[in-house]
Amino acid sequence: MSIDFKNKFKAVISVIGASEIDKQIESTNIEIGRLIAKNNYAVVCGGLSGVMEAICKGAKEEGGFTIGIIPHTEKSYANKYVDLVIPCPFSQARNIVVVLTGDICLAISGKAGTLSEMCFAWIYDKPLVALSSVQGWSSKMANQKLDNRRNDMIYGVTTPLEAINKINDLLK
């Protein structure tokens, strides 16, 4: 199967976030995944559970395309909603691959791994949107700058609709 990404998808969205989430965050993430697919974007994430699985589930419900960059050698570790599994068995070092694969990053909740991905996005000049209505690093870093090497900020949003609208604005 061959996919012409340039003609099929407007961009690839790197979604970063917690591997353990509650039902409310899961529902929010499914909705964001749906909106990403409806807006003709592909998703790349760490391919496992939590935010990653919920985003992929939502995207698949709308016929979207999902990429999971997993920290294992066996593709079977990926969640069932991942279309393309890329084994990258370097533990947290895969975080840089997740970030660099996308055109923009969306952070949702998260612990130290998510914070590292936010830092990579900042260093590599990827636009960064953070959901501020959930606990974790995305809410702590929303509407801030990590340092002075960039003129923009981590754009805080509170709802799935605000997230996709900000992504659309930043990718124009």
N, C-alpha and C. Protein backbone atom coordinates (compact mmCIF):
# COMPACT_ATOMS: atom_id res chain seq x y z
N MET A 1 0.84 -1.18 0.00
CA MET A 1 0.00 0.00 0.00
C MET A 1 0.89 1.24 0.00
N SER A 2 0.58 2.16 -0.85
CA SER A 2 1.33 3.40 -0.96
C SER A 2 0.41 4.57 -0.62
N ILE A 3 0.91 5.48 0.22
CA ILE A 3 0.14 6.66 0.59
C ILE A 3 0.92 7.90 0.18
N ASP A 4 0.30 8.73 -0.62
CA ASP A 4 0.90 9.98 -1.05
C ASP A 4 0.55 11.04 0.00
N PHE A 5 1.41 11.19 1.02
CA PHE A 5 1.11 12.08 2.14
C PHE A 5 0.91 13.52 1.70
N LYS A 6 1.68 13.99 0.74
CA LYS A 6 1.58 15.39 0.32
C LYS A 6 0.21 15.71 -0.25
N ASN A 7 -0.40 14.77 -0.94
CA ASN A 7 -1.71 15.01 -1.54
C ASN A 7 -2.86 14.52 -0.68
N LYS A 8 -2.61 13.62 0.25
CA LYS A 8 -3.69 13.06 1.07
C LYS A 8 -3.92 13.84 2.36
N PHE A 9 -2.85 14.28 3.02
CA PHE A 9 -2.96 14.95 4.31
C PHE A 9 -2.35 16.34 4.25
N LYS A 10 -3.00 17.28 4.94
CA LYS A 10 -2.48 18.65 4.98
C LYS A 10 -1.21 18.71 5.82
N ALA A 11 -1.13 17.89 6.86
CA ALA A 11 0.03 17.90 7.76
C ALA A 11 -0.05 16.67 8.67
N VAL A 12 1.01 16.46 9.43
CA VAL A 12 1.06 15.41 10.44
C VAL A 12 1.13 16.08 11.81
N ILE A 13 0.24 15.68 12.70
CA ILE A 13 0.18 16.24 14.04
C ILE A 13 0.83 15.26 15.02
N SER A 14 1.88 15.72 15.72
CA SER A 14 2.49 14.92 16.79
C SER A 14 1.67 15.15 18.05
N VAL A 15 1.06 14.09 18.56
CA VAL A 15 0.29 14.19 19.79
C VAL A 15 1.09 13.53 20.90
N ILE A 16 1.35 14.29 21.95
CA ILE A 16 2.17 13.81 23.06
C ILE A 16 1.36 13.92 24.35
N GLY A 17 1.52 12.94 25.24
CA GLY A 17 0.76 12.99 26.48
C GLY A 17 0.90 11.74 27.31
N ALA A 18 0.15 11.72 28.39
CA ALA A 18 0.24 10.68 29.42
C ALA A 18 -0.18 9.31 28.91
N SER A 19 0.49 8.29 29.42
CA SER A 19 0.13 6.91 29.07
C SER A 19 -0.99 6.37 29.95
N GLU A 20 -1.32 7.09 31.02
CA GLU A 20 -2.42 6.71 31.90
C GLU A 20 -3.35 7.90 32.04
N ILE A 21 -4.63 7.70 31.66
CA ILE A 21 -5.60 8.78 31.72
C ILE A 21 -6.92 8.29 32.29
N ASP A 22 -7.74 9.24 32.77
CA ASP A 22 -9.07 8.87 33.26
C ASP A 22 -10.09 8.95 32.12
N LYS A 23 -11.33 8.59 32.42
CA LYS A 23 -12.38 8.54 31.39
C LYS A 23 -12.66 9.91 30.78
N GLN A 24 -12.60 10.96 31.57
CA GLN A 24 -12.86 12.30 31.06
C GLN A 24 -11.79 12.71 30.04
N ILE A 25 -10.53 12.49 30.39
CA ILE A 25 -9.44 12.83 29.45
C ILE A 25 -9.52 11.93 28.22
N GLU A 26 -9.90 10.67 28.41
CA GLU A 26 -10.05 9.75 27.28
C GLU A 26 -11.09 10.29 26.30
N SER A 27 -12.23 10.72 26.81
CA SER A 27 -13.30 11.26 25.97
C SER A 27 -12.84 12.51 25.22
N THR A 28 -12.13 13.39 25.92
CA THR A 28 -11.60 14.60 25.29
C THR A 28 -10.62 14.24 24.18
N ASN A 29 -9.77 13.26 24.42
CA ASN A 29 -8.79 12.85 23.42
C ASN A 29 -9.42 12.19 22.21
N ILE A 30 -10.44 11.40 22.43
CA ILE A 30 -11.14 10.80 21.30
C ILE A 30 -11.72 11.89 20.42
N GLU A 31 -12.31 12.90 21.04
CA GLU A 31 -12.87 14.02 20.27
C GLU A 31 -11.77 14.77 19.51
N ILE A 32 -10.64 15.00 20.14
CA ILE A 32 -9.53 15.66 19.44
C ILE A 32 -9.06 14.81 18.26
N GLY A 33 -8.95 13.52 18.45
CA GLY A 33 -8.56 12.62 17.36
C GLY A 33 -9.53 12.70 16.19
N ARG A 34 -10.82 12.74 16.50
CA ARG A 34 -11.84 12.88 15.44
C ARG A 34 -11.63 14.18 14.66
N LEU A 35 -11.43 15.27 15.40
CA LEU A 35 -11.25 16.58 14.76
C LEU A 35 -9.98 16.63 13.91
N ILE A 36 -8.92 15.98 14.38
CA ILE A 36 -7.68 15.92 13.60
C ILE A 36 -7.95 15.24 12.26
N ALA A 37 -8.64 14.10 12.30
CA ALA A 37 -8.94 13.37 11.06
C ALA A 37 -9.91 14.15 10.17
N LYS A 38 -10.93 14.76 10.76
CA LYS A 38 -11.90 15.54 9.98
C LYS A 38 -11.24 16.70 9.26
N ASN A 39 -10.16 17.21 9.83
CA ASN A 39 -9.44 18.33 9.23
C ASN A 39 -8.33 17.87 8.29
N ASN A 40 -8.33 16.58 7.97
CA ASN A 40 -7.41 16.01 6.99
C ASN A 40 -5.95 16.05 7.42
N TYR A 41 -5.71 15.79 8.71
CA TYR A 41 -4.36 15.64 9.23
C TYR A 41 -4.14 14.18 9.60
N ALA A 42 -2.90 13.72 9.52
CA ALA A 42 -2.51 12.41 10.04
C ALA A 42 -2.00 12.62 11.46
N VAL A 43 -1.99 11.56 12.26
CA VAL A 43 -1.53 11.60 13.65
C VAL A 43 -0.27 10.77 13.79
N VAL A 44 0.70 11.30 14.54
CA VAL A 44 1.84 10.50 14.99
C VAL A 44 1.90 10.62 16.50
N CYS A 45 2.19 9.51 17.16
CA CYS A 45 2.28 9.51 18.62
C CYS A 45 3.18 8.34 19.04
N GLY A 46 3.27 8.14 20.34
CA GLY A 46 4.08 7.05 20.87
C GLY A 46 3.45 5.68 20.71
N GLY A 47 2.22 5.62 20.23
CA GLY A 47 1.60 4.37 19.83
C GLY A 47 1.14 3.42 20.92
N LEU A 48 1.21 3.82 22.17
CA LEU A 48 0.86 2.90 23.24
C LEU A 48 -0.53 3.24 23.81
N SER A 49 -0.64 3.37 25.13
CA SER A 49 -1.93 3.55 25.80
C SER A 49 -2.18 5.01 26.16
N GLY A 50 -3.26 5.25 26.87
CA GLY A 50 -3.58 6.58 27.38
C GLY A 50 -3.94 7.56 26.29
N VAL A 51 -3.31 8.74 26.33
CA VAL A 51 -3.55 9.78 25.33
C VAL A 51 -3.33 9.21 23.93
N MET A 52 -2.28 8.44 23.76
CA MET A 52 -1.92 7.92 22.44
C MET A 52 -3.03 7.04 21.87
N GLU A 53 -3.55 6.14 22.67
CA GLU A 53 -4.60 5.23 22.20
C GLU A 53 -5.91 5.99 21.94
N ALA A 54 -6.28 6.90 22.82
CA ALA A 54 -7.53 7.64 22.66
C ALA A 54 -7.49 8.53 21.41
N ILE A 55 -6.37 9.19 21.18
CA ILE A 55 -6.23 10.03 19.98
C ILE A 55 -6.36 9.16 18.73
N CYS A 56 -5.66 8.04 18.72
CA CYS A 56 -5.71 7.14 17.56
C CYS A 56 -7.12 6.59 17.36
N LYS A 57 -7.80 6.25 18.43
CA LYS A 57 -9.17 5.74 18.33
C LYS A 57 -10.07 6.78 17.69
N GLY A 58 -10.01 8.01 18.16
CA GLY A 58 -10.84 9.06 17.57
C GLY A 58 -10.52 9.29 16.11
N ALA A 59 -9.24 9.32 15.78
CA ALA A 59 -8.85 9.52 14.38
C ALA A 59 -9.37 8.40 13.50
N LYS A 60 -9.27 7.16 13.97
CA LYS A 60 -9.74 6.02 13.19
C LYS A 60 -11.26 6.05 13.02
N GLU A 61 -11.99 6.55 14.02
CA GLU A 61 -13.45 6.66 13.90
C GLU A 61 -13.86 7.58 12.77
N GLU A 62 -12.98 8.48 12.38
CA GLU A 62 -13.26 9.41 11.28
C GLU A 62 -12.45 9.07 10.03
N GLY A 63 -11.91 7.86 9.98
CA GLY A 63 -11.18 7.43 8.80
C GLY A 63 -9.79 8.00 8.67
N GLY A 64 -9.22 8.49 9.77
CA GLY A 64 -7.89 9.09 9.75
C GLY A 64 -6.77 8.07 9.68
N PHE A 65 -5.56 8.57 9.55
CA PHE A 65 -4.36 7.74 9.47
C PHE A 65 -3.50 8.00 10.69
N THR A 66 -3.04 6.91 11.33
CA THR A 66 -2.28 7.02 12.57
C THR A 66 -0.93 6.31 12.47
N ILE A 67 0.06 6.94 13.07
CA ILE A 67 1.42 6.41 13.11
C ILE A 67 1.82 6.28 14.57
N GLY A 68 2.34 5.14 14.96
CA GLY A 68 2.81 4.93 16.32
C GLY A 68 4.29 4.60 16.33
N ILE A 69 5.07 5.40 17.03
CA ILE A 69 6.50 5.16 17.16
C ILE A 69 6.71 4.57 18.55
N ILE A 70 6.82 3.26 18.60
CA ILE A 70 6.79 2.54 19.88
C ILE A 70 8.20 2.22 20.40
N PRO A 71 8.35 2.14 21.72
CA PRO A 71 9.66 1.87 22.31
C PRO A 71 9.96 0.37 22.45
N HIS A 72 9.59 -0.40 21.45
CA HIS A 72 9.77 -1.86 21.48
C HIS A 72 10.24 -2.33 20.11
N THR A 73 10.74 -3.56 20.04
CA THR A 73 11.10 -4.14 18.76
C THR A 73 9.92 -4.87 18.12
N GLU A 74 8.96 -5.30 18.93
CA GLU A 74 7.79 -6.03 18.45
C GLU A 74 6.64 -5.08 18.17
N LYS A 75 6.15 -5.09 16.95
CA LYS A 75 5.06 -4.21 16.56
C LYS A 75 3.77 -4.47 17.33
N SER A 76 3.62 -5.66 17.87
CA SER A 76 2.39 -6.03 18.57
C SER A 76 2.14 -5.20 19.83
N TYR A 77 3.12 -4.46 20.30
CA TYR A 77 2.93 -3.62 21.48
C TYR A 77 2.09 -2.37 21.19
N ALA A 78 1.97 -2.01 19.95
CA ALA A 78 1.20 -0.81 19.58
C ALA A 78 -0.28 -1.01 19.89
N ASN A 79 -0.97 0.10 20.16
CA ASN A 79 -2.41 -0.02 20.38
C ASN A 79 -3.10 -0.39 19.07
N LYS A 80 -4.30 -0.90 19.18
CA LYS A 80 -5.00 -1.47 18.02
C LYS A 80 -5.46 -0.44 17.00
N TYR A 81 -5.31 0.84 17.30
CA TYR A 81 -5.75 1.89 16.38
C TYR A 81 -4.61 2.49 15.56
N VAL A 82 -3.43 1.93 15.67
CA VAL A 82 -2.27 2.43 14.93
C VAL A 82 -2.20 1.75 13.56
N ASP A 83 -2.14 2.56 12.50
CA ASP A 83 -2.04 2.03 11.14
C ASP A 83 -0.61 1.65 10.79
N LEU A 84 0.32 2.52 11.10
CA LEU A 84 1.73 2.30 10.77
C LEU A 84 2.53 2.28 12.06
N VAL A 85 3.09 1.12 12.39
CA VAL A 85 3.89 0.97 13.61
C VAL A 85 5.35 1.06 13.24
N ILE A 86 6.06 1.95 13.93
CA ILE A 86 7.49 2.11 13.71
C ILE A 86 8.22 1.74 15.00
N PRO A 87 8.86 0.57 15.05
CA PRO A 87 9.61 0.18 16.24
C PRO A 87 10.85 1.07 16.42
N CYS A 88 11.01 1.59 17.60
CA CYS A 88 12.13 2.47 17.92
C CYS A 88 12.53 2.15 19.36
N PRO A 89 13.23 1.02 19.58
CA PRO A 89 13.44 0.50 20.93
C PRO A 89 14.52 1.23 21.73
N PHE A 90 14.35 2.54 21.83
CA PHE A 90 15.33 3.34 22.55
C PHE A 90 14.69 4.06 23.73
N SER A 91 13.67 3.46 24.32
CA SER A 91 12.98 4.02 25.48
C SER A 91 12.56 5.46 25.20
N GLN A 92 12.90 6.37 26.09
CA GLN A 92 12.48 7.76 25.94
C GLN A 92 13.18 8.48 24.79
N ALA A 93 14.25 7.93 24.27
CA ALA A 93 14.93 8.57 23.15
C ALA A 93 14.04 8.62 21.92
N ARG A 94 13.02 7.77 21.86
CA ARG A 94 12.10 7.81 20.73
C ARG A 94 11.28 9.09 20.71
N ASN A 95 11.23 9.79 21.85
CA ASN A 95 10.43 11.01 21.94
C ASN A 95 10.83 12.04 20.89
N ILE A 96 12.10 12.12 20.60
CA ILE A 96 12.55 13.07 19.58
C ILE A 96 12.02 12.67 18.20
N VAL A 97 11.91 11.38 17.93
CA VAL A 97 11.39 10.91 16.65
C VAL A 97 9.91 11.26 16.53
N VAL A 98 9.16 11.08 17.60
CA VAL A 98 7.74 11.44 17.60
C VAL A 98 7.57 12.92 17.25
N VAL A 99 8.35 13.76 17.90
CA VAL A 99 8.26 15.21 17.68
C VAL A 99 8.67 15.59 16.26
N LEU A 100 9.78 15.08 15.79
CA LEU A 100 10.29 15.47 14.48
C LEU A 100 9.45 14.94 13.32
N THR A 101 8.68 13.89 13.55
CA THR A 101 7.83 13.33 12.50
C THR A 101 6.66 14.25 12.17
N GLY A 102 6.19 14.99 13.16
CA GLY A 102 5.05 15.88 12.94
C GLY A 102 5.45 17.26 12.48
N ASP A 103 4.44 17.99 11.99
CA ASP A 103 4.63 19.38 11.58
C ASP A 103 4.31 20.34 12.72
N ILE A 104 3.57 19.87 13.70
CA ILE A 104 3.16 20.65 14.87
C ILE A 104 2.93 19.66 16.00
N CYS A 105 3.08 20.10 17.25
CA CYS A 105 2.88 19.22 18.40
C CYS A 105 1.69 19.67 19.23
N LEU A 106 0.93 18.70 19.69
CA LEU A 106 -0.17 18.93 20.61
C LEU A 106 0.10 18.14 21.87
N ALA A 107 0.27 18.85 23.00
CA ALA A 107 0.54 18.21 24.29
C ALA A 107 -0.75 18.12 25.09
N ILE A 108 -0.97 16.93 25.67
CA ILE A 108 -2.18 16.70 26.46
C ILE A 108 -1.77 16.00 27.75
N SER A 109 -1.93 16.69 28.86
CA SER A 109 -1.55 16.21 30.20
C SER A 109 -0.08 15.84 30.20
N GLY A 110 0.28 14.70 30.73
CA GLY A 110 1.64 14.22 30.63
C GLY A 110 2.50 14.35 31.86
N LYS A 111 3.50 13.49 31.86
CA LYS A 111 4.51 13.46 32.93
C LYS A 111 5.86 13.84 32.32
N ALA A 112 6.94 13.32 32.85
CA ALA A 112 8.28 13.72 32.43
C ALA A 112 8.55 13.43 30.95
N GLY A 113 8.04 12.31 30.44
CA GLY A 113 8.24 12.00 29.02
C GLY A 113 7.61 13.05 28.12
N THR A 114 6.42 13.49 28.49
CA THR A 114 5.74 14.54 27.72
C THR A 114 6.51 15.85 27.81
N LEU A 115 7.01 16.16 28.99
CA LEU A 115 7.81 17.37 29.15
C LEU A 115 9.04 17.31 28.24
N SER A 116 9.68 16.16 28.15
CA SER A 116 10.85 16.05 27.27
C SER A 116 10.45 16.29 25.82
N GLU A 117 9.30 15.78 25.42
CA GLU A 117 8.83 15.99 24.05
C GLU A 117 8.51 17.46 23.81
N MET A 118 7.95 18.12 24.80
CA MET A 118 7.68 19.56 24.67
C MET A 118 9.00 20.32 24.49
N CYS A 119 10.01 19.92 25.22
CA CYS A 119 11.33 20.56 25.08
C CYS A 119 11.91 20.31 23.70
N PHE A 120 11.81 19.09 23.19
CA PHE A 120 12.30 18.81 21.83
C PHE A 120 11.54 19.65 20.80
N ALA A 121 10.22 19.76 20.96
CA ALA A 121 9.43 20.57 20.04
C ALA A 121 9.91 22.01 20.06
N TRP A 122 10.20 22.51 21.24
CA TRP A 122 10.68 23.88 21.39
C TRP A 122 12.04 24.06 20.71
N ILE A 123 12.96 23.14 21.00
CA ILE A 123 14.31 23.21 20.45
C ILE A 123 14.30 23.14 18.92
N TYR A 124 13.46 22.26 18.38
CA TYR A 124 13.42 22.06 16.93
C TYR A 124 12.39 22.93 16.23
N ASP A 125 11.93 23.96 16.91
CA ASP A 125 11.08 24.99 16.33
C ASP A 125 9.76 24.46 15.77
N LYS A 126 9.18 23.48 16.43
CA LYS A 126 7.86 22.98 16.06
C LYS A 126 6.82 23.80 16.81
N PRO A 127 5.79 24.29 16.13
CA PRO A 127 4.71 24.95 16.86
C PRO A 127 4.15 23.99 17.92
N LEU A 128 3.80 24.54 19.07
CA LEU A 128 3.41 23.70 20.21
C LEU A 128 2.12 24.23 20.83
N VAL A 129 1.10 23.36 20.84
CA VAL A 129 -0.20 23.66 21.44
C VAL A 129 -0.34 22.76 22.66
N ALA A 130 -0.86 23.30 23.76
CA ALA A 130 -0.99 22.53 25.00
C ALA A 130 -2.40 22.66 25.56
N LEU A 131 -3.00 21.52 25.88
CA LEU A 131 -4.33 21.51 26.49
C LEU A 131 -4.18 21.87 27.96
N SER A 132 -4.75 23.01 28.34
CA SER A 132 -4.58 23.51 29.71
C SER A 132 -5.69 23.08 30.66
N SER A 133 -6.70 22.42 30.15
CA SER A 133 -7.85 22.03 30.98
C SER A 133 -7.68 20.66 31.64
N VAL A 134 -6.50 20.07 31.53
CA VAL A 134 -6.21 18.77 32.15
C VAL A 134 -4.95 18.91 33.01
N GLN A 135 -4.80 18.02 33.97
CA GLN A 135 -3.61 18.08 34.82
C GLN A 135 -2.41 17.50 34.08
N GLY A 136 -1.24 17.98 34.44
CA GLY A 136 0.00 17.49 33.85
C GLY A 136 0.78 18.63 33.23
N TRP A 137 1.84 18.27 32.50
CA TRP A 137 2.73 19.27 31.95
C TRP A 137 2.08 20.17 30.91
N SER A 138 1.08 19.68 30.21
CA SER A 138 0.45 20.55 29.21
C SER A 138 -0.19 21.77 29.88
N SER A 139 -0.83 21.58 31.02
CA SER A 139 -1.45 22.72 31.70
C SER A 139 -0.41 23.59 32.40
N LYS A 140 0.67 22.99 32.87
CA LYS A 140 1.71 23.77 33.55
C LYS A 140 2.48 24.67 32.58
N MET A 141 2.61 24.24 31.33
CA MET A 141 3.43 24.97 30.37
C MET A 141 2.62 25.80 29.39
N ALA A 142 1.29 25.67 29.40
CA ALA A 142 0.45 26.43 28.46
C ALA A 142 0.66 27.93 28.64
N ASN A 143 0.72 28.61 27.52
CA ASN A 143 0.86 30.08 27.48
C ASN A 143 2.18 30.58 28.07
N GLN A 144 3.20 29.76 27.96
CA GLN A 144 4.53 30.15 28.44
C GLN A 144 5.57 29.91 27.35
N LYS A 145 6.76 30.41 27.61
CA LYS A 145 7.93 30.15 26.78
C LYS A 145 8.88 29.28 27.59
N LEU A 146 9.54 28.36 26.94
CA LEU A 146 10.54 27.55 27.65
C LEU A 146 11.83 28.33 27.85
N ASP A 147 12.17 29.17 26.88
CA ASP A 147 13.34 30.04 26.98
C ASP A 147 13.18 31.12 25.93
N ASN A 148 14.20 31.92 25.73
CA ASN A 148 14.11 33.05 24.82
C ASN A 148 14.61 32.79 23.41
N ARG A 149 14.83 31.53 23.05
CA ARG A 149 15.32 31.26 21.69
C ARG A 149 14.23 31.39 20.63
N ARG A 150 12.98 31.50 21.04
CA ARG A 150 11.87 31.65 20.10
C ARG A 150 11.04 32.87 20.48
N ASN A 151 10.35 33.43 19.50
CA ASN A 151 9.49 34.58 19.73
C ASN A 151 8.06 34.20 20.09
N ASP A 152 7.67 32.96 19.81
CA ASP A 152 6.31 32.54 20.12
C ASP A 152 6.24 31.93 21.51
N MET A 153 5.18 31.18 21.78
CA MET A 153 5.01 30.54 23.08
C MET A 153 4.36 29.18 22.88
N ILE A 154 4.16 28.48 23.96
CA ILE A 154 3.36 27.26 23.96
C ILE A 154 1.91 27.74 24.07
N TYR A 155 1.14 27.52 23.03
CA TYR A 155 -0.21 28.06 22.96
C TYR A 155 -1.19 27.21 23.77
N GLY A 156 -1.78 27.80 24.79
CA GLY A 156 -2.74 27.10 25.63
C GLY A 156 -4.14 27.12 25.04
N VAL A 157 -4.79 25.97 25.10
CA VAL A 157 -6.19 25.83 24.67
C VAL A 157 -6.92 25.02 25.73
N THR A 158 -8.24 25.14 25.78
CA THR A 158 -8.98 24.43 26.82
C THR A 158 -9.92 23.35 26.31
N THR A 159 -10.30 23.41 25.03
CA THR A 159 -11.26 22.44 24.50
C THR A 159 -10.72 21.80 23.23
N PRO A 160 -11.31 20.66 22.82
CA PRO A 160 -10.91 20.06 21.55
C PRO A 160 -11.08 21.02 20.37
N LEU A 161 -12.18 21.76 20.34
CA LEU A 161 -12.41 22.70 19.24
C LEU A 161 -11.36 23.80 19.22
N GLU A 162 -11.01 24.34 20.39
CA GLU A 162 -9.94 25.34 20.45
C GLU A 162 -8.62 24.75 19.97
N ALA A 163 -8.37 23.49 20.32
CA ALA A 163 -7.12 22.84 19.91
C ALA A 163 -7.02 22.77 18.39
N ILE A 164 -8.07 22.29 17.74
CA ILE A 164 -8.00 22.14 16.27
C ILE A 164 -7.99 23.50 15.60
N ASN A 165 -8.71 24.47 16.15
CA ASN A 165 -8.67 25.82 15.57
C ASN A 165 -7.28 26.43 15.66
N LYS A 166 -6.61 26.24 16.79
CA LYS A 166 -5.24 26.77 16.95
C LYS A 166 -4.29 26.05 16.00
N ILE A 167 -4.42 24.73 15.89
CA ILE A 167 -3.58 23.97 14.96
C ILE A 167 -3.79 24.49 13.54
N ASN A 168 -5.05 24.67 13.13
CA ASN A 168 -5.34 25.20 11.79
C ASN A 168 -4.70 26.57 11.59
N ASP A 169 -4.82 27.44 12.58
CA ASP A 169 -4.24 28.78 12.47
C ASP A 169 -2.72 28.72 12.33
N LEU A 170 -2.08 27.88 13.14
CA LEU A 170 -0.62 27.81 13.13
C LEU A 170 -0.06 27.18 11.86
N LEU A 171 -0.84 26.33 11.23
CA LEU A 171 -0.36 25.63 10.02
C LEU A 171 -0.69 26.38 8.73
N LYS A 172 -1.35 27.52 8.83
CA LYS A 172 -1.66 28.32 7.62
C LYS A 172 -0.39 28.89 7.04
